[in-house]
């Protein structure tokens, strides 16, 4: 087995931080406007939308991943 050196570990760590940062920026860009709209406005279907948002926040990532696999893959 190849020994991991410091440069490789630093590269892996920086790439992980980059991916996490991009995911955070995307989720903030989508989630904050939706949260503001849900908090500030009353509209038809608001209760249903809030329920689906809360259900999505409560679902574990593994379950969401399995649902995505079943939806998008042919033999899910």
N, C-alpha and C. Protein backbone atom coordinates (compact mmCIF):
# COMPACT_ATOMS: atom_id res chain seq x y z
N UNK A 1 0.84 -1.18 0.00
CA UNK A 1 0.00 0.00 0.00
C UNK A 1 0.88 1.24 0.00
N UNK A 2 0.48 2.19 -0.81
CA UNK A 2 1.25 3.42 -0.93
C UNK A 2 1.08 4.27 0.32
N UNK A 3 2.17 4.83 0.78
CA UNK A 3 2.12 5.66 1.97
C UNK A 3 1.63 7.06 1.61
N UNK A 4 0.71 7.59 2.40
CA UNK A 4 0.20 8.93 2.16
C UNK A 4 1.20 9.96 2.68
N UNK A 5 1.55 10.91 1.84
CA UNK A 5 2.44 11.96 2.30
C UNK A 5 1.63 13.21 2.63
N UNK A 6 2.29 14.18 3.18
CA UNK A 6 1.62 15.39 3.65
C UNK A 6 0.94 16.13 2.51
N UNK A 7 1.57 16.20 1.34
CA UNK A 7 1.00 16.94 0.21
C UNK A 7 -0.32 16.31 -0.25
N UNK A 8 -0.38 14.99 -0.25
CA UNK A 8 -1.60 14.31 -0.67
C UNK A 8 -2.72 14.53 0.34
N UNK A 9 -2.39 14.46 1.61
CA UNK A 9 -3.39 14.69 2.65
C UNK A 9 -3.89 16.14 2.60
N UNK A 10 -2.98 17.09 2.37
CA UNK A 10 -3.38 18.49 2.26
C UNK A 10 -4.28 18.70 1.04
N UNK A 11 -3.97 18.06 -0.08
CA UNK A 11 -4.80 18.18 -1.28
C UNK A 11 -6.20 17.62 -1.05
N UNK A 12 -6.28 16.46 -0.42
CA UNK A 12 -7.58 15.85 -0.11
C UNK A 12 -8.37 16.74 0.83
N UNK A 13 -7.72 17.30 1.83
CA UNK A 13 -8.40 18.16 2.79
C UNK A 13 -8.91 19.43 2.12
N UNK A 14 -8.09 20.06 1.29
CA UNK A 14 -8.51 21.28 0.61
C UNK A 14 -9.64 21.02 -0.37
N UNK A 15 -9.60 19.90 -1.06
CA UNK A 15 -10.68 19.56 -1.99
C UNK A 15 -11.98 19.34 -1.23
N UNK A 16 -11.90 18.67 -0.09
CA UNK A 16 -13.09 18.44 0.74
C UNK A 16 -13.67 19.76 1.23
N UNK A 17 -12.82 20.67 1.68
CA UNK A 17 -13.29 21.98 2.13
C UNK A 17 -13.91 22.77 0.98
N UNK A 18 -13.33 22.67 -0.21
CA UNK A 18 -13.87 23.36 -1.38
C UNK A 18 -15.28 22.84 -1.72
N UNK A 19 -15.45 21.52 -1.75
CA UNK A 19 -16.75 20.93 -2.07
C UNK A 19 -17.78 21.31 -1.00
N UNK A 20 -17.39 21.27 0.25
CA UNK A 20 -18.31 21.66 1.33
C UNK A 20 -18.69 23.13 1.23
N UNK A 21 -17.75 23.97 0.90
CA UNK A 21 -18.03 25.40 0.75
C UNK A 21 -18.97 25.69 -0.40
N UNK A 22 -18.76 25.02 -1.53
CA UNK A 22 -19.66 25.21 -2.67
C UNK A 22 -21.06 24.72 -2.33
N UNK A 23 -21.15 23.56 -1.67
CA UNK A 23 -22.46 23.04 -1.27
C UNK A 23 -23.16 23.99 -0.31
N UNK A 24 -22.42 24.56 0.61
CA UNK A 24 -22.98 25.53 1.56
C UNK A 24 -23.48 26.77 0.84
N UNK A 25 -22.69 27.29 -0.09
CA UNK A 25 -23.10 28.49 -0.82
C UNK A 25 -24.36 28.23 -1.65
N UNK A 26 -24.43 27.08 -2.30
CA UNK A 26 -25.62 26.75 -3.08
C UNK A 26 -26.85 26.59 -2.20
N UNK A 27 -26.70 25.89 -1.09
CA UNK A 27 -27.85 25.68 -0.21
C UNK A 27 -28.31 26.99 0.43
N UNK A 28 -27.38 27.87 0.76
CA UNK A 28 -27.77 29.18 1.29
C UNK A 28 -28.47 30.02 0.23
N UNK A 29 -27.96 29.96 -0.99
CA UNK A 29 -28.57 30.72 -2.08
C UNK A 29 -29.99 30.28 -2.40
N UNK A 30 -30.28 29.02 -2.17
CA UNK A 30 -31.63 28.50 -2.40
C UNK A 30 -32.48 28.62 -1.14
N UNK A 31 -31.92 28.26 0.00
CA UNK A 31 -32.71 28.16 1.23
C UNK A 31 -33.10 29.48 1.86
N UNK A 32 -32.22 30.45 1.84
CA UNK A 32 -32.53 31.73 2.49
C UNK A 32 -33.70 32.44 1.80
N UNK A 33 -33.72 32.56 0.47
CA UNK A 33 -34.89 33.19 -0.16
C UNK A 33 -36.20 32.43 0.09
N UNK A 34 -36.12 31.10 0.09
CA UNK A 34 -37.33 30.31 0.37
C UNK A 34 -37.78 30.55 1.81
N UNK A 35 -36.85 30.58 2.75
CA UNK A 35 -37.20 30.84 4.14
C UNK A 35 -37.79 32.21 4.34
N UNK A 36 -37.25 33.20 3.66
CA UNK A 36 -37.80 34.56 3.75
C UNK A 36 -39.22 34.59 3.19
N UNK A 37 -39.42 33.93 2.05
CA UNK A 37 -40.76 33.90 1.44
C UNK A 37 -41.76 33.19 2.35
N UNK A 38 -41.34 32.09 2.95
CA UNK A 38 -42.24 31.36 3.84
C UNK A 38 -42.56 32.16 5.10
N UNK A 39 -41.61 32.92 5.59
CA UNK A 39 -41.84 33.69 6.81
C UNK A 39 -42.58 34.98 6.60
N UNK A 40 -42.47 35.56 5.42
CA UNK A 40 -43.01 36.90 5.21
C UNK A 40 -44.35 36.91 4.50
N UNK A 41 -44.66 35.87 3.74
CA UNK A 41 -45.87 35.91 2.91
C UNK A 41 -46.83 34.80 3.27
N UNK A 42 -48.09 35.06 3.03
CA UNK A 42 -49.15 34.05 3.15
C UNK A 42 -49.63 33.76 1.73
N UNK A 43 -49.66 32.49 1.36
CA UNK A 43 -50.10 32.12 0.02
C UNK A 43 -50.77 30.75 0.07
N UNK A 44 -51.51 30.44 -0.98
CA UNK A 44 -52.21 29.15 -1.05
C UNK A 44 -51.18 28.02 -1.11
N UNK A 45 -51.37 27.01 -0.30
CA UNK A 45 -50.45 25.88 -0.28
C UNK A 45 -49.26 26.06 0.64
N UNK A 46 -49.27 27.15 1.38
CA UNK A 46 -48.13 27.45 2.27
C UNK A 46 -47.93 26.36 3.31
N UNK A 47 -49.02 25.89 3.91
CA UNK A 47 -48.93 24.87 4.94
C UNK A 47 -48.34 23.58 4.38
N UNK A 48 -48.78 23.20 3.19
CA UNK A 48 -48.24 21.99 2.56
C UNK A 48 -46.75 22.16 2.25
N UNK A 49 -46.38 23.34 1.77
CA UNK A 49 -44.98 23.60 1.45
C UNK A 49 -44.11 23.57 2.70
N UNK A 50 -44.59 24.15 3.79
CA UNK A 50 -43.85 24.13 5.04
C UNK A 50 -43.70 22.70 5.54
N UNK A 51 -44.76 21.90 5.41
CA UNK A 51 -44.68 20.50 5.82
C UNK A 51 -43.64 19.73 5.02
N UNK A 52 -43.58 19.98 3.72
CA UNK A 52 -42.60 19.28 2.89
C UNK A 52 -41.17 19.74 3.21
N UNK A 53 -40.99 21.03 3.50
CA UNK A 53 -39.67 21.52 3.89
C UNK A 53 -39.23 20.89 5.20
N UNK A 54 -40.13 20.83 6.17
CA UNK A 54 -39.79 20.21 7.45
C UNK A 54 -39.51 18.72 7.30
N UNK A 55 -40.26 18.04 6.45
CA UNK A 55 -40.01 16.61 6.21
C UNK A 55 -38.64 16.42 5.56
N UNK A 56 -38.29 17.31 4.64
CA UNK A 56 -36.99 17.21 3.99
C UNK A 56 -35.84 17.45 4.95
N UNK A 57 -36.02 18.35 5.90
CA UNK A 57 -34.96 18.61 6.88
C UNK A 57 -34.83 17.47 7.88
N UNK A 58 -35.92 16.74 8.08
CA UNK A 58 -35.88 15.64 9.04
C UNK A 58 -35.41 14.33 8.45
N UNK A 59 -35.39 14.23 7.13
CA UNK A 59 -34.99 12.99 6.48
C UNK A 59 -33.47 12.84 6.51
N UNK A 60 -33.00 11.66 6.88
CA UNK A 60 -31.55 11.45 6.88
C UNK A 60 -31.01 11.47 5.44
N UNK A 61 -29.79 11.93 5.27
CA UNK A 61 -29.21 11.99 3.92
C UNK A 61 -29.17 10.63 3.21
N UNK A 62 -29.01 9.56 3.95
CA UNK A 62 -28.96 8.24 3.32
C UNK A 62 -30.30 7.91 2.68
N UNK A 63 -31.39 8.24 3.37
CA UNK A 63 -32.72 7.98 2.82
C UNK A 63 -32.96 8.82 1.57
N UNK A 64 -32.56 10.07 1.60
CA UNK A 64 -32.71 10.93 0.43
C UNK A 64 -31.88 10.39 -0.72
N UNK A 65 -30.68 9.92 -0.45
CA UNK A 65 -29.84 9.33 -1.50
C UNK A 65 -30.46 8.09 -2.09
N UNK A 66 -31.04 7.23 -1.25
CA UNK A 66 -31.70 6.03 -1.77
C UNK A 66 -32.91 6.37 -2.62
N UNK A 67 -33.67 7.36 -2.22
CA UNK A 67 -34.82 7.79 -3.02
C UNK A 67 -34.35 8.32 -4.37
N UNK A 68 -33.28 9.11 -4.38
CA UNK A 68 -32.74 9.61 -5.64
C UNK A 68 -32.26 8.49 -6.54
N UNK A 69 -31.61 7.49 -5.96
CA UNK A 69 -31.16 6.35 -6.76
C UNK A 69 -32.35 5.62 -7.36
N UNK A 70 -33.39 5.41 -6.57
CA UNK A 70 -34.57 4.71 -7.08
C UNK A 70 -35.28 5.52 -8.17
N UNK A 71 -35.25 6.84 -8.05
CA UNK A 71 -35.91 7.67 -9.05
C UNK A 71 -35.12 7.80 -10.35
N UNK A 72 -33.80 7.93 -10.25
CA UNK A 72 -33.00 8.27 -11.41
C UNK A 72 -32.32 7.10 -12.11
N UNK A 73 -32.16 5.99 -11.43
CA UNK A 73 -31.52 4.85 -12.08
C UNK A 73 -32.57 3.90 -12.64
N UNK A 74 -32.21 3.25 -13.70
CA UNK A 74 -33.13 2.36 -14.37
C UNK A 74 -33.60 1.22 -13.49
N UNK A 75 -32.68 0.59 -12.83
CA UNK A 75 -33.00 -0.59 -12.02
C UNK A 75 -32.89 -0.29 -10.54
N UNK A 76 -33.24 0.93 -10.13
CA UNK A 76 -33.09 1.38 -8.76
C UNK A 76 -33.64 0.43 -7.77
